[in-house]
């Protein structure tokens, strides 16, 4: 299981208000717990191949019980706008949005830049992990919707892209 698959699991756990999820195979075991499961106690993720990994995903307490079906595991982080000529890149995780890899470094993309599939658009820091957000489309950056070093929520629009 790679990092993107782990991120997708975390998104699905958040989306469906699942308290705890464990996935295990021959090479690893990953356990994801939310604040619903541990009453606000958060854990720092520990990367240990061939051993147990524990990730805590903070989440607001639910007012009512919810049951979830994880049917849309292939959900995309991009959606086409109603006008059909731009694509909205959304945040796949909760964290802090950064336009560049460091304070003294150039930004990854700016308005007007041409991007390719796999181009790094930004970094989102979540629980002391820096996650590069890559484009799944090629085109041109039309608008950047988030200020540098600001907090972002899951599924929050980050960029507008005009596809090729």
Protein backbone atom coordinates (compact mmCIF):
# COMPACT_ATOMS: atom_id res chain seq x y z
CA UNK A 1 0.00 0.00 0.00
CA UNK A 2 1.50 3.33 -1.02
CA UNK A 3 1.12 6.78 0.55
CA UNK A 4 -1.67 7.87 -1.83
CA UNK A 5 -3.73 4.80 -0.94
CA UNK A 6 -3.26 5.59 2.75
CA UNK A 7 -4.41 9.17 2.10
CA UNK A 8 -7.50 7.84 0.32
CA UNK A 9 -8.30 5.61 3.30
CA UNK A 10 -8.04 8.62 5.60
CA UNK A 11 -10.35 10.64 3.32
CA UNK A 12 -12.94 7.87 3.33
CA UNK A 13 -12.75 7.47 7.12
CA UNK A 14 -13.33 11.24 7.50
CA UNK A 15 -16.09 11.37 4.90
CA UNK A 16 -18.11 8.55 6.44
CA UNK A 17 -17.38 9.34 10.12
CA UNK A 18 -15.84 5.93 10.74
CA UNK A 19 -14.38 5.67 14.26
CA UNK A 20 -11.72 3.05 13.50
CA UNK A 21 -10.47 1.12 10.47
CA UNK A 22 -7.83 -1.62 10.31
CA UNK A 23 -6.37 -2.99 7.07
CA UNK A 24 -3.93 -5.87 7.21
CA UNK A 25 -2.06 -8.03 4.71
CA UNK A 26 1.15 -10.11 4.73
CA UNK A 27 3.51 -7.10 4.62
CA UNK A 28 1.87 -4.53 6.86
CA UNK A 29 -0.97 -3.53 9.11
CA UNK A 30 -2.48 -0.04 9.19
CA UNK A 31 -4.92 1.13 11.81
CA UNK A 32 -6.71 4.46 11.45
CA UNK A 33 -8.52 5.89 14.46
CA UNK A 34 -10.47 9.12 14.57
CA UNK A 35 -11.36 11.36 17.48
CA UNK A 36 -14.66 9.50 17.56
CA UNK A 37 -12.77 6.37 18.63
CA UNK A 38 -10.37 7.86 21.13
CA UNK A 39 -12.25 10.84 22.58
CA UNK A 40 -9.96 13.56 21.27
CA UNK A 41 -6.62 11.85 21.88
CA UNK A 42 -4.49 12.26 18.77
CA UNK A 43 -1.51 10.18 17.79
CA UNK A 44 1.42 11.04 15.54
CA UNK A 45 1.68 8.72 12.53
CA UNK A 46 4.56 6.28 12.67
CA UNK A 47 5.84 4.75 9.44
CA UNK A 48 7.01 1.20 10.09
CA UNK A 49 7.06 -1.20 7.13
CA UNK A 50 6.08 -4.81 7.85
CA UNK A 51 4.81 -3.70 11.26
CA UNK A 52 1.76 -1.92 12.61
CA UNK A 53 1.09 1.70 11.64
CA UNK A 54 -1.25 3.84 13.66
CA UNK A 55 -2.71 7.06 12.29
CA UNK A 56 -5.10 9.28 14.20
CA UNK A 57 -7.45 11.42 12.15
CA UNK A 58 -8.96 14.26 14.17
CA UNK A 59 -12.61 14.85 13.52
CA UNK A 60 -15.43 16.84 15.06
CA UNK A 61 -17.69 14.81 17.34
CA UNK A 62 -20.82 13.54 15.67
CA UNK A 63 -24.25 14.41 17.05
CA UNK A 64 -25.74 11.22 15.79
CA UNK A 65 -24.57 7.75 14.86
CA UNK A 66 -23.66 7.25 11.25
CA UNK A 67 -23.10 4.08 9.31
CA UNK A 68 -20.87 4.11 6.27
CA UNK A 69 -20.30 2.14 3.14
CA UNK A 70 -16.95 2.61 1.48
CA UNK A 71 -18.17 2.33 -2.07
CA UNK A 72 -16.57 5.38 -3.64
CA UNK A 73 -12.95 4.57 -2.87
CA UNK A 74 -12.00 5.86 -6.30
CA UNK A 75 -13.37 9.34 -5.62
CA UNK A 76 -11.36 12.05 -7.36
CA UNK A 77 -10.02 15.26 -5.86
CA UNK A 78 -10.88 17.19 -9.00
CA UNK A 79 -14.30 18.11 -10.30
CA UNK A 80 -15.34 19.95 -13.43
CA UNK A 81 -17.10 23.27 -12.91
CA UNK A 82 -20.63 23.82 -14.18
CA UNK A 83 -19.37 25.92 -17.11
CA UNK A 84 -17.23 22.96 -18.18
CA UNK A 85 -14.08 24.91 -19.10
CA UNK A 86 -12.19 24.74 -15.79
CA UNK A 87 -11.32 21.99 -13.34
CA UNK A 88 -11.24 22.58 -9.59
CA UNK A 89 -8.38 20.90 -7.73
CA UNK A 90 -9.54 20.21 -4.17
CA UNK A 91 -7.61 19.42 -1.02
CA UNK A 92 -7.40 15.66 -0.43
CA UNK A 93 -6.63 16.17 3.28
CA UNK A 94 -6.96 18.61 6.18
CA UNK A 95 -3.79 20.57 6.88
CA UNK A 96 -1.77 23.69 6.13
CA UNK A 97 -1.40 24.81 2.49
CA UNK A 98 2.05 25.85 1.24
CA UNK A 99 2.76 27.19 -2.26
CA UNK A 100 6.52 26.53 -2.07
CA UNK A 101 8.83 23.90 -0.56
CA UNK A 102 10.42 26.50 1.74
CA UNK A 103 10.37 30.15 2.77
CA UNK A 104 13.25 31.11 0.48
CA UNK A 105 12.17 28.83 -2.40
CA UNK A 106 10.12 29.62 -5.53
CA UNK A 107 6.43 28.70 -5.59
CA UNK A 108 5.49 25.43 -7.30
CA UNK A 109 2.97 27.09 -9.66
CA UNK A 110 1.57 30.55 -10.33
CA UNK A 111 -1.36 31.84 -12.37
CA UNK A 112 -0.70 31.30 -16.07
CA UNK A 113 1.70 28.37 -15.62
CA UNK A 114 1.25 25.35 -17.88
CA UNK A 115 1.14 22.12 -15.88
CA UNK A 116 1.40 18.46 -16.78
CA UNK A 117 -0.01 15.33 -15.16
CA UNK A 118 2.14 14.73 -12.08
CA UNK A 119 3.22 18.37 -11.68
CA UNK A 120 3.51 19.33 -8.02
CA UNK A 121 0.99 22.11 -7.29
CA UNK A 122 1.53 22.66 -3.58
CA UNK A 123 2.34 20.99 -0.27
CA UNK A 124 -0.19 20.31 2.47
CA UNK A 125 1.26 19.68 5.90
CA UNK A 126 -0.81 17.31 7.99
CA UNK A 127 0.38 15.99 11.35
CA UNK A 128 4.01 16.98 10.61
CA UNK A 129 3.94 15.14 7.27
CA UNK A 130 4.46 17.23 4.12
CA UNK A 131 2.26 15.89 1.32
CA UNK A 132 2.97 16.99 -2.25
CA UNK A 133 -0.28 17.53 -4.14
CA UNK A 134 0.16 16.58 -7.79
CA UNK A 135 -2.04 17.41 -10.75
CA UNK A 136 -4.01 14.65 -12.39
CA UNK A 137 -4.67 16.89 -15.41
CA UNK A 138 -2.66 18.97 -17.81
CA UNK A 139 -3.57 22.55 -18.57
CA UNK A 140 -3.06 26.09 -17.34
CA UNK A 141 -3.44 27.49 -13.81
CA UNK A 142 -6.30 30.01 -13.97
CA UNK A 143 -6.66 30.89 -10.28
CA UNK A 144 -5.12 30.01 -6.93
CA UNK A 145 -7.92 29.97 -4.35
CA UNK A 146 -5.93 29.67 -1.09
CA UNK A 147 -3.38 31.94 0.58
CA UNK A 148 0.06 30.55 1.41
CA UNK A 149 0.45 29.04 4.90
CA UNK A 150 -3.29 29.00 5.54
CA UNK A 151 -5.29 26.07 6.92
CA UNK A 152 -7.35 24.02 4.47
CA UNK A 153 -10.17 21.56 4.98
CA UNK A 154 -10.80 18.26 3.23
CA UNK A 155 -12.38 18.84 -0.20
CA UNK A 156 -11.69 22.61 -0.11
CA UNK A 157 -11.03 24.09 -3.58
CA UNK A 158 -7.35 25.01 -4.05
CA UNK A 159 -6.80 25.73 -7.76
CA UNK A 160 -8.76 26.33 -10.94
CA UNK A 161 -7.20 24.76 -14.04
CA UNK A 162 -8.12 25.28 -17.67
CA UNK A 163 -7.60 21.83 -19.24
CA UNK A 164 -5.85 21.32 -22.59
